[in-house]
Amino acid sequence: MKEKLVNLHELCKKYHIYFYLIMVGLIALDLTTKYVMEAILLDAPNHRIEVIDGFFTLSLVYNPGAFSGMLGDSIFGRIILMLLSLICGVVMLWYFIKSFSKMGKLELFGITLAIPGTLGNLWDRTLQVFGLQEGVIDFLEFDLGFMVWNTFNIADSLLVIGIIAFAVGYLIRDSKEEKKKEQERLKFYEEKKNEEEELKDE
């Protein structure tokens, strides 16, 4: 039994199954919170529940477009957003599979959040295009005092945090690789210089 568990664990590591399970779990979390909050807030006065007075409110909003409703005014704009979400999700999955061994921990963390963030909202956009939903379900609203942040959802949070983490991780790895290449170049020129000096001495 123990040997089977060890083999299963190795198989999961080899094919990145743990990461896929996390992604599926995050997509499930996003969709569950959307539909649970929708059911609760539809019955609330003005579809709003103030959680922390003057700071945090649960507010039901169907966002027809992207940020601040961008491209949501027409069916063509909505189709474009759906296709963009699909393309971004596919590209990120392809990059995850292709570059898994190269990525650092921060990059892996970021892309593991960004993929379900993209696919979570893709689900809503697809339903919207086919007339089964009014838009992406948003329900988190924060009043920062100087401004009220646009209402968002779990998928939006995953996407933003994921992209930032991935970008920072990528830049750190790229910087390390450049330093390593520079050191290799310096070592090469140093060895070449030493060889030339030895030839002169002969």
N, C-alpha and C. Protein backbone atom coordinates (compact mmCIF):
# COMPACT_ATOMS: atom_id res chain seq x y z
N MET A 1 0.83 -1.21 0.00
CA MET A 1 0.00 0.00 0.00
C MET A 1 0.86 1.26 0.00
N LYS A 2 1.88 1.23 0.87
CA LYS A 2 2.78 2.39 0.97
C LYS A 2 3.50 2.63 -0.35
N GLU A 3 3.90 1.53 -0.99
CA GLU A 3 4.61 1.64 -2.27
C GLU A 3 3.71 2.22 -3.34
N LYS A 4 2.43 1.83 -3.32
CA LYS A 4 1.46 2.35 -4.29
C LYS A 4 1.26 3.85 -4.10
N LEU A 5 1.19 4.28 -2.83
CA LEU A 5 1.03 5.70 -2.53
C LEU A 5 2.25 6.50 -2.99
N VAL A 6 3.43 5.92 -2.78
CA VAL A 6 4.67 6.58 -3.22
C VAL A 6 4.68 6.70 -4.74
N ASN A 7 4.27 5.64 -5.44
CA ASN A 7 4.22 5.65 -6.91
C ASN A 7 3.20 6.68 -7.41
N LEU A 8 2.06 6.74 -6.70
CA LEU A 8 1.03 7.71 -7.07
C LEU A 8 1.53 9.14 -6.88
N HIS A 9 2.22 9.34 -5.77
CA HIS A 9 2.78 10.66 -5.48
C HIS A 9 3.80 11.07 -6.55
N GLU A 10 4.65 10.14 -6.95
CA GLU A 10 5.65 10.42 -7.99
C GLU A 10 4.98 10.72 -9.32
N LEU A 11 3.90 9.98 -9.61
CA LEU A 11 3.15 10.21 -10.84
C LEU A 11 2.52 11.61 -10.85
N CYS A 12 1.97 11.99 -9.71
CA CYS A 12 1.35 13.32 -9.57
C CYS A 12 2.39 14.42 -9.74
N LYS A 13 3.57 14.20 -9.19
CA LYS A 13 4.65 15.18 -9.33
C LYS A 13 5.12 15.28 -10.78
N LYS A 14 5.26 14.13 -11.42
CA LYS A 14 5.76 14.08 -12.80
C LYS A 14 4.84 14.83 -13.75
N TYR A 15 3.53 14.65 -13.58
CA TYR A 15 2.56 15.26 -14.49
C TYR A 15 1.88 16.49 -13.89
N HIS A 16 2.44 17.04 -12.82
CA HIS A 16 1.98 18.29 -12.20
C HIS A 16 0.51 18.21 -11.74
N ILE A 17 0.08 17.02 -11.35
CA ILE A 17 -1.33 16.82 -10.99
C ILE A 17 -1.74 17.69 -9.81
N TYR A 18 -0.85 17.87 -8.85
CA TYR A 18 -1.18 18.68 -7.67
C TYR A 18 -1.54 20.12 -8.08
N PHE A 19 -0.79 20.65 -9.03
CA PHE A 19 -1.07 22.01 -9.49
C PHE A 19 -2.43 22.08 -10.21
N TYR A 20 -2.72 21.07 -11.02
CA TYR A 20 -4.01 21.05 -11.71
C TYR A 20 -5.16 20.93 -10.71
N LEU A 21 -4.96 20.15 -9.66
CA LEU A 21 -6.01 20.02 -8.63
C LEU A 21 -6.24 21.36 -7.93
N ILE A 22 -5.16 22.08 -7.67
CA ILE A 22 -5.29 23.41 -7.05
C ILE A 22 -6.08 24.34 -7.97
N MET A 23 -5.75 24.30 -9.27
CA MET A 23 -6.45 25.14 -10.25
C MET A 23 -7.94 24.82 -10.30
N VAL A 24 -8.26 23.52 -10.35
CA VAL A 24 -9.66 23.10 -10.38
C VAL A 24 -10.37 23.54 -9.10
N GLY A 25 -9.69 23.41 -7.97
CA GLY A 25 -10.26 23.83 -6.70
C GLY A 25 -10.55 25.33 -6.67
N LEU A 26 -9.64 26.12 -7.23
CA LEU A 26 -9.82 27.58 -7.24
C LEU A 26 -10.95 27.98 -8.19
N ILE A 27 -11.07 27.28 -9.32
CA ILE A 27 -12.19 27.55 -10.23
C ILE A 27 -13.51 27.23 -9.53
N ALA A 28 -13.54 26.09 -8.83
CA ALA A 28 -14.75 25.69 -8.09
C ALA A 28 -15.08 26.72 -7.01
N LEU A 29 -14.04 27.23 -6.32
CA LEU A 29 -14.25 28.25 -5.29
C LEU A 29 -14.84 29.51 -5.90
N ASP A 30 -14.29 29.93 -7.04
CA ASP A 30 -14.79 31.14 -7.71
C ASP A 30 -16.25 30.98 -8.11
N LEU A 31 -16.58 29.90 -8.80
CA LEU A 31 -17.94 29.69 -9.29
C LEU A 31 -18.93 29.51 -8.14
N THR A 32 -18.51 28.79 -7.09
CA THR A 32 -19.38 28.57 -5.94
C THR A 32 -19.71 29.88 -5.24
N THR A 33 -18.67 30.70 -5.00
CA THR A 33 -18.91 31.99 -4.32
C THR A 33 -19.79 32.91 -5.18
N LYS A 34 -19.62 32.86 -6.50
CA LYS A 34 -20.45 33.69 -7.38
C LYS A 34 -21.93 33.34 -7.24
N TYR A 35 -22.24 32.04 -7.33
CA TYR A 35 -23.64 31.62 -7.32
C TYR A 35 -24.26 31.68 -5.93
N VAL A 36 -23.46 31.44 -4.90
CA VAL A 36 -23.96 31.56 -3.54
C VAL A 36 -24.27 33.02 -3.22
N MET A 37 -23.33 33.92 -3.58
CA MET A 37 -23.54 35.34 -3.33
C MET A 37 -24.69 35.89 -4.16
N GLU A 38 -24.82 35.40 -5.39
CA GLU A 38 -25.94 35.83 -6.23
C GLU A 38 -27.26 35.46 -5.56
N ALA A 39 -27.37 34.23 -5.09
CA ALA A 39 -28.61 33.78 -4.44
C ALA A 39 -28.92 34.59 -3.19
N ILE A 40 -27.89 34.90 -2.41
CA ILE A 40 -28.09 35.67 -1.18
C ILE A 40 -28.45 37.12 -1.48
N LEU A 41 -27.71 37.73 -2.39
CA LEU A 41 -27.86 39.17 -2.64
C LEU A 41 -29.09 39.52 -3.47
N LEU A 42 -29.60 38.57 -4.22
CA LEU A 42 -30.85 38.83 -4.97
C LEU A 42 -32.00 39.15 -4.03
N ASP A 43 -31.97 38.57 -2.83
CA ASP A 43 -33.03 38.80 -1.84
C ASP A 43 -32.72 39.93 -0.87
N ALA A 44 -31.52 40.51 -0.96
CA ALA A 44 -31.13 41.59 -0.05
C ALA A 44 -31.65 42.94 -0.56
N PRO A 45 -31.91 43.88 0.33
CA PRO A 45 -32.34 45.22 -0.09
C PRO A 45 -31.31 45.87 -1.00
N ASN A 46 -31.75 46.31 -2.18
CA ASN A 46 -30.85 46.92 -3.18
C ASN A 46 -29.71 45.98 -3.58
N HIS A 47 -29.89 44.69 -3.30
CA HIS A 47 -28.88 43.68 -3.64
C HIS A 47 -27.53 43.98 -3.00
N ARG A 48 -27.58 44.51 -1.76
CA ARG A 48 -26.36 44.89 -1.06
C ARG A 48 -26.42 44.48 0.40
N ILE A 49 -25.28 44.05 0.95
CA ILE A 49 -25.15 43.77 2.38
C ILE A 49 -23.85 44.42 2.86
N GLU A 50 -23.99 45.37 3.76
CA GLU A 50 -22.80 46.05 4.28
C GLU A 50 -22.16 45.19 5.37
N VAL A 51 -20.93 44.77 5.15
CA VAL A 51 -20.24 43.88 6.09
C VAL A 51 -19.43 44.68 7.10
N ILE A 52 -18.61 45.61 6.60
CA ILE A 52 -17.84 46.51 7.47
C ILE A 52 -18.25 47.93 7.09
N ASP A 53 -18.91 48.60 8.00
CA ASP A 53 -19.50 49.92 7.73
C ASP A 53 -18.50 50.88 7.10
N GLY A 54 -18.85 51.37 5.92
CA GLY A 54 -18.03 52.36 5.24
C GLY A 54 -16.78 51.83 4.59
N PHE A 55 -16.60 50.50 4.59
CA PHE A 55 -15.38 49.94 4.01
C PHE A 55 -15.63 48.76 3.07
N PHE A 56 -16.35 47.74 3.56
CA PHE A 56 -16.53 46.52 2.76
C PHE A 56 -18.01 46.17 2.65
N THR A 57 -18.46 46.01 1.40
CA THR A 57 -19.86 45.69 1.13
C THR A 57 -19.95 44.55 0.12
N LEU A 58 -20.91 43.66 0.33
CA LEU A 58 -21.24 42.65 -0.67
C LEU A 58 -22.32 43.26 -1.55
N SER A 59 -22.01 43.42 -2.83
CA SER A 59 -22.93 44.10 -3.74
C SER A 59 -23.00 43.34 -5.06
N LEU A 60 -24.21 42.92 -5.42
CA LEU A 60 -24.39 42.12 -6.64
C LEU A 60 -24.36 43.00 -7.89
N VAL A 61 -23.40 42.72 -8.76
CA VAL A 61 -23.28 43.46 -10.03
C VAL A 61 -23.03 42.45 -11.14
N TYR A 62 -23.76 42.61 -12.24
CA TYR A 62 -23.50 41.80 -13.42
C TYR A 62 -22.69 42.65 -14.39
N ASN A 63 -21.41 42.38 -14.47
CA ASN A 63 -20.53 43.18 -15.32
C ASN A 63 -20.57 42.63 -16.75
N PRO A 64 -21.12 43.40 -17.70
CA PRO A 64 -21.26 42.90 -19.07
C PRO A 64 -19.95 42.91 -19.86
N GLY A 65 -18.96 43.66 -19.36
CA GLY A 65 -17.71 43.78 -20.11
C GLY A 65 -16.50 43.45 -19.26
N ALA A 66 -15.40 44.10 -19.58
CA ALA A 66 -14.15 43.91 -18.82
C ALA A 66 -14.13 44.93 -17.70
N PHE A 67 -12.99 45.53 -17.45
CA PHE A 67 -12.84 46.53 -16.39
C PHE A 67 -13.80 47.70 -16.64
N SER A 68 -14.64 48.01 -15.64
CA SER A 68 -15.62 49.09 -15.72
C SER A 68 -16.60 48.90 -16.88
N GLY A 69 -16.86 47.64 -17.26
CA GLY A 69 -17.85 47.37 -18.30
C GLY A 69 -17.33 47.53 -19.72
N MET A 70 -16.01 47.69 -19.89
CA MET A 70 -15.42 47.90 -21.21
C MET A 70 -15.79 46.77 -22.18
N LEU A 71 -16.17 47.13 -23.40
CA LEU A 71 -16.53 46.21 -24.49
C LEU A 71 -17.80 45.40 -24.21
N GLY A 72 -18.57 45.83 -23.24
CA GLY A 72 -19.76 45.07 -22.89
C GLY A 72 -21.05 45.58 -23.49
N ASP A 73 -20.96 46.62 -24.31
CA ASP A 73 -22.16 47.24 -24.85
C ASP A 73 -22.76 46.50 -26.04
N SER A 74 -21.98 45.65 -26.68
CA SER A 74 -22.48 44.93 -27.86
C SER A 74 -22.11 43.46 -27.79
N ILE A 75 -22.85 42.64 -28.55
CA ILE A 75 -22.57 41.21 -28.59
C ILE A 75 -21.19 40.94 -29.15
N PHE A 76 -20.75 41.80 -30.10
CA PHE A 76 -19.42 41.62 -30.69
C PHE A 76 -18.32 41.85 -29.65
N GLY A 77 -18.50 42.87 -28.83
CA GLY A 77 -17.54 43.15 -27.76
C GLY A 77 -17.49 42.02 -26.76
N ARG A 78 -18.65 41.45 -26.46
CA ARG A 78 -18.72 40.35 -25.49
C ARG A 78 -18.06 39.08 -26.06
N ILE A 79 -18.26 38.86 -27.35
CA ILE A 79 -17.62 37.70 -28.00
C ILE A 79 -16.10 37.88 -28.00
N ILE A 80 -15.65 39.12 -28.26
CA ILE A 80 -14.21 39.40 -28.24
C ILE A 80 -13.63 39.11 -26.86
N LEU A 81 -14.33 39.54 -25.80
CA LEU A 81 -13.86 39.30 -24.43
C LEU A 81 -13.83 37.81 -24.12
N MET A 82 -14.84 37.09 -24.58
CA MET A 82 -14.88 35.65 -24.36
C MET A 82 -13.70 34.97 -25.05
N LEU A 83 -13.45 35.36 -26.31
CA LEU A 83 -12.34 34.76 -27.07
C LEU A 83 -10.99 35.13 -26.47
N LEU A 84 -10.86 36.38 -25.99
CA LEU A 84 -9.61 36.80 -25.35
C LEU A 84 -9.34 35.99 -24.08
N SER A 85 -10.40 35.77 -23.29
CA SER A 85 -10.25 34.96 -22.07
C SER A 85 -9.85 33.54 -22.43
N LEU A 86 -10.47 32.99 -23.49
CA LEU A 86 -10.16 31.64 -23.93
C LEU A 86 -8.71 31.53 -24.40
N ILE A 87 -8.29 32.49 -25.22
CA ILE A 87 -6.92 32.49 -25.76
C ILE A 87 -5.91 32.64 -24.63
N CYS A 88 -6.17 33.58 -23.71
CA CYS A 88 -5.25 33.79 -22.58
C CYS A 88 -5.14 32.53 -21.71
N GLY A 89 -6.29 31.89 -21.46
CA GLY A 89 -6.28 30.67 -20.66
C GLY A 89 -5.49 29.56 -21.32
N VAL A 90 -5.69 29.38 -22.64
CA VAL A 90 -4.98 28.33 -23.38
C VAL A 90 -3.48 28.62 -23.42
N VAL A 91 -3.12 29.88 -23.67
CA VAL A 91 -1.70 30.26 -23.73
C VAL A 91 -1.01 30.03 -22.38
N MET A 92 -1.69 30.40 -21.30
CA MET A 92 -1.11 30.21 -19.97
C MET A 92 -0.94 28.73 -19.63
N LEU A 93 -1.94 27.92 -20.02
CA LEU A 93 -1.83 26.47 -19.79
C LEU A 93 -0.68 25.88 -20.60
N TRP A 94 -0.55 26.33 -21.85
CA TRP A 94 0.54 25.86 -22.71
C TRP A 94 1.89 26.24 -22.11
N TYR A 95 2.00 27.48 -21.64
CA TYR A 95 3.25 27.95 -21.04
C TYR A 95 3.55 27.17 -19.76
N PHE A 96 2.52 26.91 -18.97
CA PHE A 96 2.68 26.15 -17.72
C PHE A 96 3.26 24.77 -18.01
N ILE A 97 2.69 24.09 -19.01
CA ILE A 97 3.15 22.74 -19.36
C ILE A 97 4.56 22.78 -19.94
N LYS A 98 4.80 23.72 -20.85
CA LYS A 98 6.08 23.80 -21.57
C LYS A 98 7.23 24.25 -20.68
N SER A 99 6.96 25.19 -19.77
CA SER A 99 8.04 25.83 -19.01
C SER A 99 8.04 25.48 -17.53
N PHE A 100 7.29 24.45 -17.15
CA PHE A 100 7.17 24.11 -15.72
C PHE A 100 8.52 23.97 -15.03
N SER A 101 9.43 23.22 -15.67
CA SER A 101 10.73 22.94 -15.04
C SER A 101 11.62 24.17 -14.94
N LYS A 102 11.36 25.18 -15.78
CA LYS A 102 12.19 26.39 -15.78
C LYS A 102 11.72 27.43 -14.76
N MET A 103 10.44 27.42 -14.46
CA MET A 103 9.86 28.47 -13.63
C MET A 103 10.28 28.35 -12.17
N GLY A 104 10.45 29.51 -11.54
CA GLY A 104 10.73 29.55 -10.11
C GLY A 104 9.43 29.42 -9.32
N LYS A 105 9.54 29.37 -8.00
CA LYS A 105 8.37 29.18 -7.14
C LYS A 105 7.36 30.31 -7.28
N LEU A 106 7.86 31.54 -7.39
CA LEU A 106 6.95 32.69 -7.49
C LEU A 106 6.20 32.67 -8.81
N GLU A 107 6.87 32.29 -9.89
CA GLU A 107 6.21 32.17 -11.19
C GLU A 107 5.13 31.08 -11.16
N LEU A 108 5.48 29.93 -10.57
CA LEU A 108 4.52 28.83 -10.46
C LEU A 108 3.31 29.23 -9.62
N PHE A 109 3.57 29.93 -8.53
CA PHE A 109 2.49 30.43 -7.68
C PHE A 109 1.58 31.35 -8.48
N GLY A 110 2.20 32.28 -9.22
CA GLY A 110 1.43 33.26 -9.99
C GLY A 110 0.58 32.63 -11.08
N ILE A 111 1.17 31.75 -11.86
CA ILE A 111 0.43 31.17 -12.99
C ILE A 111 -0.63 30.18 -12.50
N THR A 112 -0.39 29.57 -11.33
CA THR A 112 -1.38 28.66 -10.75
C THR A 112 -2.61 29.43 -10.28
N LEU A 113 -2.47 30.71 -9.97
CA LEU A 113 -3.61 31.56 -9.62
C LEU A 113 -4.23 32.18 -10.86
N ALA A 114 -3.39 32.61 -11.80
CA ALA A 114 -3.88 33.34 -12.98
C ALA A 114 -4.73 32.47 -13.90
N ILE A 115 -4.36 31.21 -14.06
CA ILE A 115 -5.14 30.33 -14.96
C ILE A 115 -6.58 30.15 -14.47
N PRO A 116 -6.82 29.74 -13.22
CA PRO A 116 -8.22 29.64 -12.77
C PRO A 116 -8.93 30.98 -12.73
N GLY A 117 -8.18 32.06 -12.49
CA GLY A 117 -8.79 33.39 -12.53
C GLY A 117 -9.34 33.69 -13.90
N THR A 118 -8.58 33.37 -14.93
CA THR A 118 -9.01 33.59 -16.31
C THR A 118 -10.17 32.67 -16.69
N LEU A 119 -10.05 31.39 -16.35
CA LEU A 119 -11.08 30.41 -16.73
C LEU A 119 -12.38 30.61 -15.95
N GLY A 120 -12.27 31.10 -14.72
CA GLY A 120 -13.47 31.37 -13.93
C GLY A 120 -14.34 32.42 -14.58
N ASN A 121 -13.73 33.50 -15.04
CA ASN A 121 -14.50 34.55 -15.71
C ASN A 121 -14.88 34.15 -17.14
N LEU A 122 -14.07 33.27 -17.76
CA LEU A 122 -14.42 32.76 -19.09
C LEU A 122 -15.76 32.03 -19.03
N TRP A 123 -15.99 31.28 -17.97
CA TRP A 123 -17.27 30.58 -17.80
C TRP A 123 -18.43 31.56 -17.83
N ASP A 124 -18.31 32.64 -17.07
CA ASP A 124 -19.37 33.66 -17.03
C ASP A 124 -19.56 34.32 -18.39
N ARG A 125 -18.46 34.65 -19.05
CA ARG A 125 -18.54 35.33 -20.35
C ARG A 125 -19.19 34.42 -21.40
N THR A 126 -18.90 33.13 -21.33
CA THR A 126 -19.49 32.19 -22.27
C THR A 126 -21.00 32.10 -22.07
N LEU A 127 -21.43 32.01 -20.81
CA LEU A 127 -22.86 31.99 -20.51
C LEU A 127 -23.53 33.28 -20.97
N GLN A 128 -22.82 34.40 -20.81
CA GLN A 128 -23.36 35.69 -21.22
C GLN A 128 -23.56 35.76 -22.73
N VAL A 129 -22.57 35.31 -23.49
CA VAL A 129 -22.65 35.34 -24.96
C VAL A 129 -23.83 34.51 -25.46
N PHE A 130 -24.12 33.39 -24.76
CA PHE A 130 -25.23 32.52 -25.17
C PHE A 130 -26.55 32.91 -24.51
N GLY A 131 -26.56 34.07 -23.84
CA GLY A 131 -27.80 34.59 -23.27
C GLY A 131 -28.28 33.89 -22.02
N LEU A 132 -27.40 33.18 -21.34
CA LEU A 132 -27.78 32.44 -20.14
C LEU A 132 -27.46 33.19 -18.85
N GLN A 133 -26.75 34.31 -18.97
CA GLN A 133 -26.37 35.12 -17.81
C GLN A 133 -26.18 36.56 -18.27
N GLU A 134 -26.47 37.50 -17.38
CA GLU A 134 -26.39 38.92 -17.76
C GLU A 134 -24.97 39.43 -17.89
N GLY A 135 -24.04 38.80 -17.22
CA GLY A 135 -22.64 39.23 -17.26
C GLY A 135 -21.84 38.47 -16.23
N VAL A 136 -20.61 38.90 -16.05
CA VAL A 136 -19.75 38.30 -15.02
C VAL A 136 -20.28 38.72 -13.65
N ILE A 137 -20.46 37.76 -12.76
CA ILE A 137 -21.00 38.06 -11.43
C ILE A 137 -19.90 38.62 -10.54
N ASP A 138 -20.05 39.88 -10.13
CA ASP A 138 -19.14 40.52 -9.19
C ASP A 138 -19.90 40.81 -7.90
N PHE A 139 -19.20 40.77 -6.77
CA PHE A 139 -19.92 40.98 -5.50
C PHE A 139 -19.05 41.59 -4.40
N LEU A 140 -17.76 41.78 -4.63
CA LEU A 140 -16.88 42.35 -3.60
C LEU A 140 -16.66 43.84 -3.88
N GLU A 141 -17.00 44.66 -2.91
CA GLU A 141 -16.86 46.11 -3.09
C GLU A 141 -16.15 46.73 -1.88
N PHE A 142 -15.11 47.50 -2.16
CA PHE A 142 -14.35 48.15 -1.10
C PHE A 142 -14.37 49.67 -1.28
N ASP A 143 -14.67 50.37 -0.19
CA ASP A 143 -14.63 51.83 -0.18
C ASP A 143 -13.33 52.25 0.49
N LEU A 144 -12.40 52.80 -0.30
CA LEU A 144 -11.09 53.16 0.22
C LEU A 144 -11.04 54.58 0.78
N GLY A 145 -12.19 55.21 0.86
CA GLY A 145 -12.23 56.58 1.37
C GLY A 145 -12.15 57.59 0.25
N PHE A 146 -11.04 57.57 -0.50
CA PHE A 146 -10.87 58.51 -1.60
C PHE A 146 -11.51 57.97 -2.88
N MET A 147 -11.90 56.68 -2.88
CA MET A 147 -12.56 56.10 -4.04
C MET A 147 -13.21 54.77 -3.66
N VAL A 148 -14.28 54.42 -4.41
CA VAL A 148 -14.91 53.11 -4.25
C VAL A 148 -14.36 52.22 -5.35
N TRP A 149 -13.66 51.15 -4.94
CA TRP A 149 -13.04 50.25 -5.91
C TRP A 149 -14.12 49.53 -6.71
N ASN A 150 -13.86 49.35 -8.02
CA ASN A 150 -14.82 48.63 -8.85
C ASN A 150 -15.14 47.26 -8.26
N THR A 151 -16.42 46.90 -8.26
CA THR A 151 -16.84 45.61 -7.73
C THR A 151 -16.15 44.48 -8.50
N PHE A 152 -15.68 43.48 -7.75
CA PHE A 152 -14.95 42.39 -8.40
C PHE A 152 -15.32 41.06 -7.76
N ASN A 153 -14.66 39.98 -8.20
CA ASN A 153 -14.96 38.65 -7.67
C ASN A 153 -13.67 37.91 -7.34
N ILE A 154 -13.78 36.65 -6.95
CA ILE A 154 -12.60 35.85 -6.59
C ILE A 154 -11.68 35.67 -7.80
N ALA A 155 -12.27 35.41 -8.97
CA ALA A 155 -11.47 35.20 -10.18
C ALA A 155 -10.62 36.42 -10.50
N ASP A 156 -11.21 37.62 -10.36
CA ASP A 156 -10.46 38.85 -10.60
C ASP A 156 -9.27 38.95 -9.65
N SER A 157 -9.50 38.61 -8.38
CA SER A 157 -8.43 38.66 -7.37
C SER A 157 -7.31 37.69 -7.73
N LEU A 158 -7.69 36.46 -8.10
CA LEU A 158 -6.70 35.46 -8.48
C LEU A 158 -5.88 35.92 -9.68
N LEU A 159 -6.58 36.52 -10.65
CA LEU A 159 -5.91 36.96 -11.88
C LEU A 159 -4.91 38.07 -11.60
N VAL A 160 -5.33 39.08 -10.84
CA VAL A 160 -4.45 40.22 -10.55
C VAL A 160 -3.24 39.78 -9.71
N ILE A 161 -3.50 39.05 -8.62
CA ILE A 161 -2.41 38.59 -7.76
C ILE A 161 -1.48 37.66 -8.55
N GLY A 162 -2.09 36.78 -9.35
CA GLY A 162 -1.31 35.82 -10.13
C GLY A 162 -0.40 36.49 -11.15
N ILE A 163 -0.94 37.46 -11.88
CA ILE A 163 -0.14 38.14 -12.90
C ILE A 163 1.01 38.91 -12.26
N ILE A 164 0.73 39.60 -11.15
CA ILE A 164 1.78 40.36 -10.47
C ILE A 164 2.88 39.42 -9.97
N ALA A 165 2.47 38.32 -9.32
CA ALA A 165 3.45 37.35 -8.79
C ALA A 165 4.26 36.73 -9.91
N PHE A 166 3.59 36.37 -11.00
CA PHE A 166 4.29 35.76 -12.13
C PHE A 166 5.29 36.74 -12.74
N ALA A 167 4.86 37.99 -12.94
CA ALA A 167 5.73 39.00 -13.55
C ALA A 167 6.97 39.25 -12.69
N VAL A 168 6.76 39.38 -11.38
CA VAL A 168 7.90 39.60 -10.46
C VAL A 168 8.83 38.39 -10.48
N GLY A 169 8.25 37.19 -10.43
CA GLY A 169 9.05 35.97 -10.47
C GLY A 169 9.83 35.83 -11.76
N TYR A 170 9.19 36.17 -12.86
CA TYR A 170 9.85 36.09 -14.17
C TYR A 170 11.03 37.05 -14.25
N LEU A 171 10.83 38.28 -13.76
CA LEU A 171 11.89 39.29 -13.79
C LEU A 171 13.07 38.87 -12.91
N ILE A 172 12.77 38.28 -11.75
CA ILE A 172 13.83 37.81 -10.85
C ILE A 172 14.63 36.70 -11.52
N ARG A 173 13.91 35.74 -12.12
CA ARG A 173 14.60 34.63 -12.80
C ARG A 173 15.41 35.13 -14.00
N ASP A 174 14.84 36.06 -14.76
CA ASP A 174 15.53 36.60 -15.92
C ASP A 174 16.81 37.34 -15.51
N SER A 175 16.70 38.08 -14.39
CA SER A 175 17.86 38.81 -13.88
C SER A 175 18.97 37.85 -13.45
N LYS A 176 18.58 36.76 -12.77
CA LYS A 176 19.56 35.75 -12.34
C LYS A 176 20.23 35.09 -13.54
N GLU A 177 19.44 34.79 -14.57
CA GLU A 177 19.98 34.14 -15.76
C GLU A 177 20.94 35.07 -16.50
N GLU A 178 20.61 36.36 -16.54
CA GLU A 178 21.49 37.34 -17.19
C GLU A 178 22.82 37.46 -16.44
N LYS A 179 22.74 37.47 -15.12
CA LYS A 179 23.97 37.54 -14.31
C LYS A 179 24.82 36.29 -14.52
N LYS A 180 24.15 35.14 -14.62
CA LYS A 180 24.87 33.90 -14.85
C LYS A 180 25.56 33.90 -16.21
N LYS A 181 24.85 34.39 -17.23
CA LYS A 181 25.43 34.47 -18.57
C LYS A 181 26.61 35.44 -18.60
N GLU A 182 26.45 36.55 -17.87
CA GLU A 182 27.52 37.55 -17.81
C GLU A 182 28.76 36.96 -17.15
N GLN A 183 28.54 36.21 -16.08
CA GLN A 183 29.67 35.56 -15.39
C GLN A 183 30.35 34.54 -16.31
N GLU A 184 29.55 33.80 -17.08
CA GLU A 184 30.11 32.82 -18.02
C GLU A 184 30.91 33.51 -19.12
N ARG A 185 30.39 34.66 -19.59
CA ARG A 185 31.12 35.42 -20.62
C ARG A 185 32.45 35.92 -20.08
N LEU A 186 32.42 36.48 -18.86
CA LEU A 186 33.64 36.98 -18.23
C LEU A 186 34.65 35.86 -18.02
N LYS A 187 34.14 34.70 -17.60
CA LYS A 187 35.01 33.55 -17.39
C LYS A 187 35.63 33.09 -18.71
N PHE A 188 34.83 33.11 -19.77
CA PHE A 188 35.31 32.71 -21.09
C PHE A 188 36.43 33.64 -21.57
N TYR A 189 36.18 34.96 -21.45
CA TYR A 189 37.18 35.94 -21.90
C TYR A 189 38.45 35.88 -21.04
N GLU A 190 38.25 35.60 -19.76
CA GLU A 190 39.39 35.49 -18.86
C GLU A 190 40.25 34.29 -19.23
N GLU A 191 39.60 33.16 -19.51
CA GLU A 191 40.32 31.95 -19.92
C GLU A 191 41.03 32.17 -21.25
N LYS A 192 40.36 32.85 -22.18
CA LYS A 192 40.95 33.12 -23.49
C LYS A 192 42.17 34.03 -23.36
N LYS A 193 42.04 35.02 -22.48
CA LYS A 193 43.14 35.95 -22.24
C LYS A 193 44.34 35.22 -21.65
N ASN A 194 44.07 34.31 -20.70
CA ASN A 194 45.15 33.53 -20.08
C ASN A 194 45.85 32.63 -21.10
N GLU A 195 45.04 32.05 -22.00
CA GLU A 195 45.59 31.20 -23.05
C GLU A 195 46.51 31.99 -23.97
N GLU A 196 46.09 33.20 -24.33
CA GLU A 196 46.87 34.06 -25.21
C GLU A 196 48.19 34.45 -24.54
N GLU A 197 48.13 34.75 -23.25
CA GLU A 197 49.33 35.13 -22.49
C GLU A 197 50.31 33.96 -22.40
N GLU A 198 49.76 32.75 -22.22
CA GLU A 198 50.61 31.56 -22.15
C GLU A 198 51.31 31.30 -23.49
N LEU A 199 50.58 31.55 -24.59
CA LEU A 199 51.16 31.39 -25.93
C LEU A 199 52.27 32.39 -26.17
N LYS A 200 52.08 33.60 -25.68
CA LYS A 200 53.11 34.65 -25.82
C LYS A 200 54.37 34.28 -25.05
N ASP A 201 54.17 33.73 -23.85
CA ASP A 201 55.32 33.37 -23.02
C ASP A 201 56.13 32.24 -23.66
N GLU A 202 55.44 31.38 -24.40
CA GLU A 202 56.14 30.29 -25.08
C GLU A 202 56.97 30.81 -26.26
